[in-house]
Amino acid sequence: MTMNHDPARRSRQPDPRARSGLIGRRSPRTGTEPATARSAVRLRLLLSSIFLPLFAAAAALFGIWAAHSGPGDSPGRTPLITLAAICAGLALVAAVDLLVVARRRR
């Protein structure tokens, strides 16, 4: 049994210190993508600042409509509450995204 001490084989193995995170790269860089990722932070800021009040107002309106709907009204109370919950969830997502974008801009 001989040990394979081929230096060329050893150089093909990735250097563990060259990893870019806790786990490392999932795929090697091809050389065409930028070294640092760029995102459209201004666009995210604009969209979050537009949709946060829009979804918050829609959640409030659907909630008020559901509170004033009677037993025989169409649409019923359950679909209106569902729409209000969906709009409130989307408003929460927009608020969190607005906080993340504001933090990254600093």
PDB file of N, CA and C in Angstrom:
ATOM      1  N   MET A   1       0.835  -1.174   0.000  1.00  0.00           N
ATOM      2  CA  MET A   1       0.000   0.000   0.000  1.00  0.00           C
ATOM      3  C   MET A   1       0.876   1.233   0.000  1.00  0.00           C
ATOM      4  N   THR A   2       0.775   1.976  -1.023  1.00  0.00           N
ATOM      5  CA  THR A   2       1.577   3.191  -1.125  1.00  0.00           C
ATOM      6  C   THR A   2       0.670   4.396  -0.970  1.00  0.00           C
ATOM      7  N   MET A   3       1.190   5.435  -0.377  1.00  0.00           N
ATOM      8  CA  MET A   3       0.458   6.688  -0.186  1.00  0.00           C
ATOM      9  C   MET A   3       0.657   7.546  -1.427  1.00  0.00           C
ATOM     10  N   ASN A   4      -0.383   8.167  -1.893  1.00  0.00           N
ATOM     11  CA  ASN A   4      -0.287   9.026  -3.065  1.00  0.00           C
ATOM     12  C   ASN A   4       0.019  10.443  -2.591  1.00  0.00           C
ATOM     13  N   HIS A   5       1.234  10.892  -2.822  1.00  0.00           N
ATOM     14  CA  HIS A   5       1.669  12.232  -2.420  1.00  0.00           C
ATOM     15  C   HIS A   5       1.882  13.097  -3.642  1.00  0.00           C
ATOM     16  N   ASP A   6       0.945  13.070  -4.557  1.00  0.00           N
ATOM     17  CA  ASP A   6       1.061  13.835  -5.792  1.00  0.00           C
ATOM     18  C   ASP A   6       0.773  15.311  -5.487  1.00  0.00           C
ATOM     19  N   PRO A   7       1.750  16.224  -5.683  1.00  0.00           N
ATOM     20  CA  PRO A   7       1.504  17.645  -5.386  1.00  0.00           C
ATOM     21  C   PRO A   7       0.483  18.273  -6.318  1.00  0.00           C
ATOM     22  N   ALA A   8       0.356  17.801  -7.552  1.00  0.00           N
ATOM     23  CA  ALA A   8      -0.629  18.370  -8.473  1.00  0.00           C
ATOM     24  C   ALA A   8      -2.042  18.046  -8.004  1.00  0.00           C
ATOM     25  N   ARG A   9      -2.239  16.870  -7.458  1.00  0.00           N
ATOM     26  CA  ARG A   9      -3.552  16.498  -6.951  1.00  0.00           C
ATOM     27  C   ARG A   9      -3.922  17.322  -5.727  1.00  0.00           C
ATOM     28  N   ARG A  10      -2.979  17.600  -4.903  1.00  0.00           N
ATOM     29  CA  ARG A  10      -3.212  18.385  -3.703  1.00  0.00           C
ATOM     30  C   ARG A  10      -3.598  19.820  -4.057  1.00  0.00           C
ATOM     31  N   SER A  11      -3.082  20.373  -5.146  1.00  0.00           N
ATOM     32  CA  SER A  11      -3.385  21.760  -5.513  1.00  0.00           C
ATOM     33  C   SER A  11      -4.779  21.895  -6.102  1.00  0.00           C
ATOM     34  N   ARG A  12      -5.375  20.809  -6.568  1.00  0.00           N
ATOM     35  CA  ARG A  12      -6.719  20.885  -7.125  1.00  0.00           C
ATOM     36  C   ARG A  12      -7.793  20.913  -6.046  1.00  0.00           C
ATOM     37  N   GLN A  13      -7.476  20.511  -4.864  1.00  0.00           N
ATOM     38  CA  GLN A  13      -8.448  20.523  -3.788  1.00  0.00           C
ATOM     39  C   GLN A  13      -8.642  21.954  -3.294  1.00  0.00           C
ATOM     40  N   PRO A  14      -9.887  22.332  -2.994  1.00  0.00           N
ATOM     41  CA  PRO A  14     -10.133  23.712  -2.557  1.00  0.00           C
ATOM     42  C   PRO A  14      -9.487  23.981  -1.196  1.00  0.00           C
ATOM     43  N   ASP A  15      -9.020  25.190  -1.066  1.00  0.00           N
ATOM     44  CA  ASP A  15      -8.421  25.623   0.188  1.00  0.00           C
ATOM     45  C   ASP A  15      -9.539  25.899   1.180  1.00  0.00           C
ATOM     46  N   PRO A  16      -9.571  25.249   2.339  1.00  0.00           N
ATOM     47  CA  PRO A  16     -10.675  25.484   3.284  1.00  0.00           C
ATOM     48  C   PRO A  16     -10.714  26.908   3.814  1.00  0.00           C
ATOM     49  N   ARG A  17      -9.620  27.631   3.757  1.00  0.00           N
ATOM     50  CA  ARG A  17      -9.626  29.020   4.224  1.00  0.00           C
ATOM     51  C   ARG A  17     -10.239  29.953   3.200  1.00  0.00           C
ATOM     52  N   ALA A  18     -10.440  29.506   1.957  1.00  0.00           N
ATOM     53  CA  ALA A  18     -10.978  30.353   0.896  1.00  0.00           C
ATOM     54  C   ALA A  18     -12.495  30.334   0.848  1.00  0.00           C
ATOM     55  N   ARG A  19     -13.115  29.711   1.805  1.00  0.00           N
ATOM     56  CA  ARG A  19     -14.574  29.648   1.815  1.00  0.00           C
ATOM     57  C   ARG A  19     -15.155  31.011   2.153  1.00  0.00           C
ATOM     58  N   SER A  20     -16.364  31.267   1.656  1.00  0.00           N
ATOM     59  CA  SER A  20     -16.959  32.588   1.821  1.00  0.00           C
ATOM     60  C   SER A  20     -18.087  32.604   2.837  1.00  0.00           C
ATOM     61  N   GLY A  21     -18.101  31.736   3.760  1.00  0.00           N
ATOM     62  CA  GLY A  21     -19.153  31.739   4.763  1.00  0.00           C
ATOM     63  C   GLY A  21     -18.964  30.589   5.723  1.00  0.00           C
ATOM     64  N   LEU A  22     -19.956  30.374   6.515  1.00  0.00           N
ATOM     65  CA  LEU A  22     -19.880  29.307   7.503  1.00  0.00           C
ATOM     66  C   LEU A  22     -19.822  27.943   6.819  1.00  0.00           C
ATOM     67  N   ILE A  23     -20.610  27.778   5.783  1.00  0.00           N
ATOM     68  CA  ILE A  23     -20.652  26.504   5.084  1.00  0.00           C
ATOM     69  C   ILE A  23     -19.737  26.537   3.859  1.00  0.00           C
ATOM     70  N   GLY A  24     -19.589  27.669   3.246  1.00  0.00           N
ATOM     71  CA  GLY A  24     -18.750  27.785   2.058  1.00  0.00           C
ATOM     72  C   GLY A  24     -19.584  28.058   0.832  1.00  0.00           C
ATOM     73  N   ARG A  25     -18.936  28.117  -0.292  1.00  0.00           N
ATOM     74  CA  ARG A  25     -19.638  28.381  -1.549  1.00  0.00           C
ATOM     75  C   ARG A  25     -20.399  27.136  -1.974  1.00  0.00           C
ATOM     76  N   ARG A  26     -21.598  27.350  -2.507  1.00  0.00           N
ATOM     77  CA  ARG A  26     -22.371  26.215  -3.010  1.00  0.00           C
ATOM     78  C   ARG A  26     -21.886  25.824  -4.391  1.00  0.00           C
ATOM     79  N   SER A  27     -21.481  26.787  -5.181  1.00  0.00           N
ATOM     80  CA  SER A  27     -20.945  26.492  -6.505  1.00  0.00           C
ATOM     81  C   SER A  27     -19.775  27.439  -6.755  1.00  0.00           C
ATOM     82  N   PRO A  28     -18.809  26.997  -7.508  1.00  0.00           N
ATOM     83  CA  PRO A  28     -17.655  27.864  -7.760  1.00  0.00           C
ATOM     84  C   PRO A  28     -18.041  29.045  -8.635  1.00  0.00           C
ATOM     85  N   ARG A  29     -17.329  30.136  -8.471  1.00  0.00           N
ATOM     86  CA  ARG A  29     -17.556  31.320  -9.300  1.00  0.00           C
ATOM     87  C   ARG A  29     -17.135  31.028 -10.728  1.00  0.00           C
ATOM     88  N   THR A  30     -17.922  31.493 -11.676  1.00  0.00           N
ATOM     89  CA  THR A  30     -17.563  31.303 -13.080  1.00  0.00           C
ATOM     90  C   THR A  30     -16.723  32.456 -13.595  1.00  0.00           C
ATOM     91  N   GLY A  31     -16.705  33.543 -12.860  1.00  0.00           N
ATOM     92  CA  GLY A  31     -15.920  34.694 -13.276  1.00  0.00           C
ATOM     93  C   GLY A  31     -16.730  35.749 -13.987  1.00  0.00           C
ATOM     94  N   THR A  32     -17.987  35.489 -14.306  1.00  0.00           N
ATOM     95  CA  THR A  32     -18.797  36.470 -15.018  1.00  0.00           C
ATOM     96  C   THR A  32     -19.656  37.304 -14.083  1.00  0.00           C
ATOM     97  N   GLU A  33     -19.937  36.804 -12.880  1.00  0.00           N
ATOM     98  CA  GLU A  33     -20.754  37.572 -11.955  1.00  0.00           C
ATOM     99  C   GLU A  33     -19.869  38.511 -11.140  1.00  0.00           C
ATOM    100  N   PRO A  34     -20.454  39.598 -10.613  1.00  0.00           N
ATOM    101  CA  PRO A  34     -19.642  40.517  -9.821  1.00  0.00           C
ATOM    102  C   PRO A  34     -19.194  39.871  -8.512  1.00  0.00           C
ATOM    103  N   ALA A  35     -18.090  40.346  -7.994  1.00  0.00           N
ATOM    104  CA  ALA A  35     -17.559  39.782  -6.751  1.00  0.00           C
ATOM    105  C   ALA A  35     -18.476  40.097  -5.577  1.00  0.00           C
ATOM    106  N   THR A  36     -19.104  41.251  -5.583  1.00  0.00           N
ATOM    107  CA  THR A  36     -20.060  41.591  -4.534  1.00  0.00           C
ATOM    108  C   THR A  36     -21.431  41.748  -5.170  1.00  0.00           C
ATOM    109  N   ALA A  37     -22.433  41.200  -4.522  1.00  0.00           N
ATOM    110  CA  ALA A  37     -23.784  41.262  -5.063  1.00  0.00           C
ATOM    111  C   ALA A  37     -24.339  42.674  -4.930  1.00  0.00           C
ATOM    112  N   ARG A  38     -25.122  43.060  -5.906  1.00  0.00           N
ATOM    113  CA  ARG A  38     -25.764  44.366  -5.879  1.00  0.00           C
ATOM    114  C   ARG A  38     -27.262  44.144  -5.939  1.00  0.00           C
ATOM    115  N   SER A  39     -27.994  44.890  -5.134  1.00  0.00           N
ATOM    116  CA  SER A  39     -29.449  44.790  -5.178  1.00  0.00           C
ATOM    117  C   SER A  39     -30.030  46.185  -5.396  1.00  0.00           C
ATOM    118  N   ALA A  40     -31.256  46.198  -5.844  1.00  0.00           N
ATOM    119  CA  ALA A  40     -31.939  47.456  -6.116  1.00  0.00           C
ATOM    120  C   ALA A  40     -32.546  47.975  -4.813  1.00  0.00           C
ATOM    121  N   VAL A  41     -31.713  48.539  -3.959  1.00  0.00           N
ATOM    122  CA  VAL A  41     -32.162  48.980  -2.644  1.00  0.00           C
ATOM    123  C   VAL A  41     -33.131  50.150  -2.769  1.00  0.00           C
ATOM    124  N   ARG A  42     -32.867  51.056  -3.680  1.00  0.00           N
ATOM    125  CA  ARG A  42     -33.773  52.209  -3.848  1.00  0.00           C
ATOM    126  C   ARG A  42     -35.142  51.773  -4.331  1.00  0.00           C
ATOM    127  N   LEU A  43     -35.174  50.787  -5.228  1.00  0.00           N
ATOM    128  CA  LEU A  43     -36.461  50.285  -5.715  1.00  0.00           C
ATOM    129  C   LEU A  43     -37.218  49.583  -4.600  1.00  0.00           C
ATOM    130  N   ARG A  44     -36.523  48.789  -3.797  1.00  0.00           N
ATOM    131  CA  ARG A  44     -37.158  48.137  -2.655  1.00  0.00           C
ATOM    132  C   ARG A  44     -37.684  49.165  -1.668  1.00  0.00           C
ATOM    133  N   LEU A  45     -36.927  50.226  -1.449  1.00  0.00           N
ATOM    134  CA  LEU A  45     -37.369  51.294  -0.554  1.00  0.00           C
ATOM    135  C   LEU A  45     -38.624  51.964  -1.100  1.00  0.00           C
ATOM    136  N   LEU A  46     -38.648  52.239  -2.387  1.00  0.00           N
ATOM    137  CA  LEU A  46     -39.802  52.870  -3.011  1.00  0.00           C
ATOM    138  C   LEU A  46     -41.037  51.963  -2.935  1.00  0.00           C
ATOM    139  N   LEU A  47     -40.863  50.689  -3.290  1.00  0.00           N
ATOM    140  CA  LEU A  47     -42.005  49.778  -3.281  1.00  0.00           C
ATOM    141  C   LEU A  47     -42.530  49.542  -1.872  1.00  0.00           C
ATOM    142  N   SER A  48     -41.644  49.399  -0.917  1.00  0.00           N
ATOM    143  CA  SER A  48     -42.093  49.197   0.464  1.00  0.00           C
ATOM    144  C   SER A  48     -42.805  50.423   1.005  1.00  0.00           C
ATOM    145  N   SER A  49     -42.297  51.602   0.676  1.00  0.00           N
ATOM    146  CA  SER A  49     -42.937  52.818   1.179  1.00  0.00           C
ATOM    147  C   SER A  49     -44.280  53.079   0.497  1.00  0.00           C
ATOM    148  N   ILE A  50     -44.486  52.550  -0.698  1.00  0.00           N
ATOM    149  CA  ILE A  50     -45.788  52.690  -1.359  1.00  0.00           C
ATOM    150  C   ILE A  50     -46.776  51.655  -0.834  1.00  0.00           C
ATOM    151  N   PHE A  51     -46.335  50.401  -0.729  1.00  0.00           N
ATOM    152  CA  PHE A  51     -47.271  49.331  -0.406  1.00  0.00           C
ATOM    153  C   PHE A  51     -47.550  49.177   1.081  1.00  0.00           C
ATOM    154  N   LEU A  52     -46.706  49.672   1.947  1.00  0.00           N
ATOM    155  CA  LEU A  52     -47.000  49.587   3.382  1.00  0.00           C
ATOM    156  C   LEU A  52     -48.284  50.336   3.731  1.00  0.00           C
ATOM    157  N   PRO A  53     -48.435  51.618   3.385  1.00  0.00           N
ATOM    158  CA  PRO A  53     -49.709  52.281   3.720  1.00  0.00           C
ATOM    159  C   PRO A  53     -50.891  51.735   2.919  1.00  0.00           C
ATOM    160  N   LEU A  54     -50.631  51.267   1.701  1.00  0.00           N
ATOM    161  CA  LEU A  54     -51.711  50.718   0.886  1.00  0.00           C
ATOM    162  C   LEU A  54     -52.286  49.456   1.522  1.00  0.00           C
ATOM    163  N   PHE A  55     -51.423  48.523   1.909  1.00  0.00           N
ATOM    164  CA  PHE A  55     -51.900  47.295   2.537  1.00  0.00           C
ATOM    165  C   PHE A  55     -52.467  47.545   3.934  1.00  0.00           C
ATOM    166  N   ALA A  56     -51.908  48.489   4.666  1.00  0.00           N
ATOM    167  CA  ALA A  56     -52.446  48.809   5.993  1.00  0.00           C
ATOM    168  C   ALA A  56     -53.858  49.396   5.873  1.00  0.00           C
ATOM    169  N   ALA A  57     -54.046  50.284   4.891  1.00  0.00           N
ATOM    170  CA  ALA A  57     -55.380  50.862   4.686  1.00  0.00           C
ATOM    171  C   ALA A  57     -56.367  49.806   4.213  1.00  0.00           C
ATOM    172  N   ALA A  58     -55.931  48.906   3.339  1.00  0.00           N
ATOM    173  CA  ALA A  58     -56.824  47.841   2.859  1.00  0.00           C
ATOM    174  C   ALA A  58     -57.210  46.911   4.004  1.00  0.00           C
ATOM    175  N   ALA A  59     -56.256  46.595   4.884  1.00  0.00           N
ATOM    176  CA  ALA A  59     -56.563  45.739   6.035  1.00  0.00           C
ATOM    177  C   ALA A  59     -57.582  46.422   6.948  1.00  0.00           C
ATOM    178  N   ALA A  60     -57.412  47.714   7.170  1.00  0.00           N
ATOM    179  CA  ALA A  60     -58.363  48.440   8.013  1.00  0.00           C
ATOM    180  C   ALA A  60     -59.744  48.496   7.361  1.00  0.00           C
ATOM    181  N   LEU A  61     -59.798  48.762   6.073  1.00  0.00           N
ATOM    182  CA  LEU A  61     -61.093  48.845   5.391  1.00  0.00           C
ATOM    183  C   LEU A  61     -61.806  47.494   5.369  1.00  0.00           C
ATOM    184  N   PHE A  62     -61.071  46.418   5.074  1.00  0.00           N
ATOM    185  CA  PHE A  62     -61.700  45.097   5.090  1.00  0.00           C
ATOM    186  C   PHE A  62     -62.148  44.720   6.501  1.00  0.00           C
ATOM    187  N   GLY A  63     -61.382  45.122   7.506  1.00  0.00           N
ATOM    188  CA  GLY A  63     -61.777  44.847   8.884  1.00  0.00           C
ATOM    189  C   GLY A  63     -63.035  45.588   9.282  1.00  0.00           C
ATOM    190  N   ILE A  64     -63.129  46.848   8.903  1.00  0.00           N
ATOM    191  CA  ILE A  64     -64.335  47.641   9.193  1.00  0.00           C
ATOM    192  C   ILE A  64     -65.535  47.085   8.441  1.00  0.00           C
ATOM    193  N   TRP A  65     -65.326  46.706   7.172  1.00  0.00           N
ATOM    194  CA  TRP A  65     -66.404  46.140   6.365  1.00  0.00           C
ATOM    195  C   TRP A  65     -66.888  44.825   6.982  1.00  0.00           C
ATOM    196  N   ALA A  66     -65.935  44.003   7.458  1.00  0.00           N
ATOM    197  CA  ALA A  66     -66.319  42.731   8.085  1.00  0.00           C
ATOM    198  C   ALA A  66     -67.085  42.966   9.382  1.00  0.00           C
ATOM    199  N   ALA A  67     -66.719  44.003  10.125  1.00  0.00           N
ATOM    200  CA  ALA A  67     -67.402  44.296  11.384  1.00  0.00           C
ATOM    201  C   ALA A  67     -68.841  44.762  11.147  1.00  0.00           C
ATOM    202  N   HIS A  68     -69.084  45.431  10.025  1.00  0.00           N
ATOM    203  CA  HIS A  68     -70.418  45.963   9.744  1.00  0.00           C
ATOM    204  C   HIS A  68     -71.259  45.048   8.866  1.00  0.00           C
ATOM    205  N   SER A  69     -70.736  43.909   8.471  1.00  0.00           N
ATOM    206  CA  SER A  69     -71.509  43.017   7.602  1.00  0.00           C
ATOM    207  C   SER A  69     -72.470  42.182   8.440  1.00  0.00           C
ATOM    208  N   GLY A  70     -73.641  41.956   7.868  1.00  0.00           N
ATOM    209  CA  GLY A  70     -74.671  41.187   8.557  1.00  0.00           C
ATOM    210  C   GLY A  70     -74.594  39.715   8.194  1.00  0.00           C
ATOM    211  N   PRO A  71     -75.499  38.910   8.781  1.00  0.00           N
ATOM    212  CA  PRO A  71     -75.453  37.477   8.526  1.00  0.00           C
ATOM    213  C   PRO A  71     -75.805  37.090   7.092  1.00  0.00           C
ATOM    214  N   GLY A  72     -76.599  37.849   6.386  1.00  0.00           N
ATOM    215  CA  GLY A  72     -76.991  37.479   5.028  1.00  0.00           C
ATOM    216  C   GLY A  72     -76.289  38.286   3.949  1.00  0.00           C
ATOM    217  N   ASP A  73     -75.341  39.110   4.342  1.00  0.00           N
ATOM    218  CA  ASP A  73     -74.664  39.960   3.367  1.00  0.00           C
ATOM    219  C   ASP A  73     -73.712  39.150   2.487  1.00  0.00           C
ATOM    220  N   SER A  74     -73.500  39.705   1.285  1.00  0.00           N
ATOM    221  CA  SER A  74     -72.531  39.094   0.375  1.00  0.00           C
ATOM    222  C   SER A  74     -71.517  40.165   0.002  1.00  0.00           C
ATOM    223  N   PRO A  75     -70.264  40.003   0.157  1.00  0.00           N
ATOM    224  CA  PRO A  75     -69.559  38.832   0.661  1.00  0.00           C
ATOM    225  C   PRO A  75     -69.754  38.681   2.160  1.00  0.00           C
ATOM    226  N   GLY A  76     -69.590  37.466   2.602  1.00  0.00           N
ATOM    227  CA  GLY A  76     -69.803  37.168   4.011  1.00  0.00           C
ATOM    228  C   GLY A  76     -68.674  37.706   4.879  1.00  0.00           C
ATOM    229  N   ARG A  77     -68.837  37.499   6.165  1.00  0.00           N
ATOM    230  CA  ARG A  77     -67.865  38.023   7.123  1.00  0.00           C
ATOM    231  C   ARG A  77     -66.515  37.292   7.034  1.00  0.00           C
ATOM    232  N   THR A  78     -66.547  35.988   6.826  1.00  0.00           N
ATOM    233  CA  THR A  78     -65.317  35.187   6.795  1.00  0.00           C
ATOM    234  C   THR A  78     -64.378  35.588   5.655  1.00  0.00           C
ATOM    235  N   PRO A  79     -64.880  35.758   4.420  1.00  0.00           N
ATOM    236  CA  PRO A  79     -63.954  36.190   3.363  1.00  0.00           C
ATOM    237  C   PRO A  79     -63.365  37.578   3.608  1.00  0.00           C
ATOM    238  N   LEU A  80     -64.148  38.463   4.214  1.00  0.00           N
ATOM    239  CA  LEU A  80     -63.634  39.800   4.504  1.00  0.00           C
ATOM    240  C   LEU A  80     -62.553  39.760   5.583  1.00  0.00           C
ATOM    241  N   ILE A  81     -62.741  38.927   6.593  1.00  0.00           N
ATOM    242  CA  ILE A  81     -61.718  38.783   7.626  1.00  0.00           C
ATOM    243  C   ILE A  81     -60.457  38.163   7.032  1.00  0.00           C
ATOM    244  N   THR A  82     -60.632  37.199   6.121  1.00  0.00           N
ATOM    245  CA  THR A  82     -59.482  36.578   5.454  1.00  0.00           C
ATOM    246  C   THR A  82     -58.709  37.608   4.636  1.00  0.00           C
ATOM    247  N   LEU A  83     -59.427  38.439   3.895  1.00  0.00           N
ATOM    248  CA  LEU A  83     -58.763  39.488   3.108  1.00  0.00           C
ATOM    249  C   LEU A  83     -58.049  40.494   4.014  1.00  0.00           C
ATOM    250  N   ALA A  84     -58.678  40.833   5.133  1.00  0.00           N
ATOM    251  CA  ALA A  84     -58.037  41.760   6.071  1.00  0.00           C
ATOM    252  C   ALA A  84     -56.769  41.154   6.655  1.00  0.00           C
ATOM    253  N   ALA A  85     -56.791  39.862   6.963  1.00  0.00           N
ATOM    254  CA  ALA A  85     -55.597  39.196   7.508  1.00  0.00           C
ATOM    255  C   ALA A  85     -54.490  39.118   6.461  1.00  0.00           C
ATOM    256  N   ILE A  86     -54.843  38.832   5.222  1.00  0.00           N
ATOM    257  CA  ILE A  86     -53.837  38.779   4.150  1.00  0.00           C
ATOM    258  C   ILE A  86     -53.205  40.149   3.952  1.00  0.00           C
ATOM    259  N   CYS A  87     -54.029  41.189   3.912  1.00  0.00           N
ATOM    260  CA  CYS A  87     -53.496  42.546   3.738  1.00  0.00           C
ATOM    261  C   CYS A  87     -52.631  42.960   4.927  1.00  0.00           C
ATOM    262  N   ALA A  88     -53.029  42.579   6.133  1.00  0.00           N
ATOM    263  CA  ALA A  88     -52.219  42.894   7.317  1.00  0.00           C
ATOM    264  C   ALA A  88     -50.884  42.161   7.262  1.00  0.00           C
ATOM    265  N   GLY A  89     -50.888  40.917   6.798  1.00  0.00           N
ATOM    266  CA  GLY A  89     -49.634  40.175   6.648  1.00  0.00           C
ATOM    267  C   GLY A  89     -48.715  40.802   5.615  1.00  0.00           C
ATOM    268  N   LEU A  90     -49.282  41.230   4.495  1.00  0.00           N
ATOM    269  CA  LEU A  90     -48.471  41.893   3.467  1.00  0.00           C
ATOM    270  C   LEU A  90     -47.944  43.240   3.959  1.00  0.00           C
ATOM    271  N   ALA A  91     -48.739  43.941   4.759  1.00  0.00           N
ATOM    272  CA  ALA A  91     -48.257  45.200   5.337  1.00  0.00           C
ATOM    273  C   ALA A  91     -47.105  44.939   6.296  1.00  0.00           C
ATOM    274  N   LEU A  92     -47.187  43.846   7.035  1.00  0.00           N
ATOM    275  CA  LEU A  92     -46.095  43.483   7.938  1.00  0.00           C
ATOM    276  C   LEU A  92     -44.824  43.145   7.162  1.00  0.00           C
ATOM    277  N   VAL A  93     -44.966  42.419   6.068  1.00  0.00           N
ATOM    278  CA  VAL A  93     -43.806  42.102   5.220  1.00  0.00           C
ATOM    279  C   VAL A  93     -43.192  43.380   4.656  1.00  0.00           C
ATOM    280  N   ALA A  94     -44.028  44.304   4.203  1.00  0.00           N
ATOM    281  CA  ALA A  94     -43.518  45.568   3.667  1.00  0.00           C
ATOM    282  C   ALA A  94     -42.825  46.383   4.748  1.00  0.00           C
ATOM    283  N   ALA A  95     -43.347  46.356   5.970  1.00  0.00           N
ATOM    284  CA  ALA A  95     -42.717  47.096   7.068  1.00  0.00           C
ATOM    285  C   ALA A  95     -41.359  46.504   7.431  1.00  0.00           C
ATOM    286  N   VAL A  96     -41.274  45.183   7.471  1.00  0.00           N
ATOM    287  CA  VAL A  96     -39.988  44.541   7.770  1.00  0.00           C
ATOM    288  C   VAL A  96     -38.984  44.836   6.666  1.00  0.00           C
ATOM    289  N   ASP A  97     -39.438  44.771   5.402  1.00  0.00           N
ATOM    290  CA  ASP A  97     -38.536  45.076   4.292  1.00  0.00           C
ATOM    291  C   ASP A  97     -38.079  46.526   4.347  1.00  0.00           C
ATOM    292  N   LEU A  98     -38.962  47.427   4.735  1.00  0.00           N
ATOM    293  CA  LEU A  98     -38.588  48.834   4.865  1.00  0.00           C
ATOM    294  C   LEU A  98     -37.531  49.021   5.948  1.00  0.00           C
ATOM    295  N   LEU A  99     -37.672  48.293   7.060  1.00  0.00           N
ATOM    296  CA  LEU A  99     -36.661  48.369   8.111  1.00  0.00           C
ATOM    297  C   LEU A  99     -35.317  47.801   7.656  1.00  0.00           C
ATOM    298  N   VAL A 100     -35.351  46.689   6.930  1.00  0.00           N
ATOM    299  CA  VAL A 100     -34.110  46.079   6.442  1.00  0.00           C
ATOM    300  C   VAL A 100     -33.410  47.001   5.454  1.00  0.00           C
ATOM    301  N   VAL A 101     -34.173  47.581   4.544  1.00  0.00           N
ATOM    302  CA  VAL A 101     -33.583  48.479   3.546  1.00  0.00           C
ATOM    303  C   VAL A 101     -33.013  49.736   4.224  1.00  0.00           C
ATOM    304  N   ALA A 102     -33.742  50.287   5.194  1.00  0.00           N
ATOM    305  CA  ALA A 102     -33.245  51.471   5.890  1.00  0.00           C
ATOM    306  C   ALA A 102     -31.957  51.156   6.654  1.00  0.00           C
ATOM    307  N   ARG A 103     -31.897  49.975   7.220  1.00  0.00           N
ATOM    308  CA  ARG A 103     -30.675  49.575   7.953  1.00  0.00           C
ATOM    309  C   ARG A 103     -29.500  49.398   6.997  1.00  0.00           C
ATOM    310  N   ARG A 104     -29.751  48.810   5.840  1.00  0.00           N
ATOM    311  CA  ARG A 104     -28.664  48.601   4.864  1.00  0.00           C
ATOM    312  C   ARG A 104     -28.175  49.902   4.253  1.00  0.00           C
ATOM    313  N   ARG A 105     -29.065  50.875   4.138  1.00  0.00           N
ATOM    314  CA  ARG A 105     -28.643  52.162   3.560  1.00  0.00           C
ATOM    315  C   ARG A 105     -27.728  52.919   4.508  1.00  0.00           C
ATOM    316  N   ARG A 106     -27.851  52.671   5.804  1.00  0.00           N
ATOM    317  CA  ARG A 106     -26.979  53.342   6.779  1.00  0.00           C
ATOM    318  C   ARG A 106     -25.628  52.762   6.678  1.00  0.00           C
TER     319      ARG A 106
END
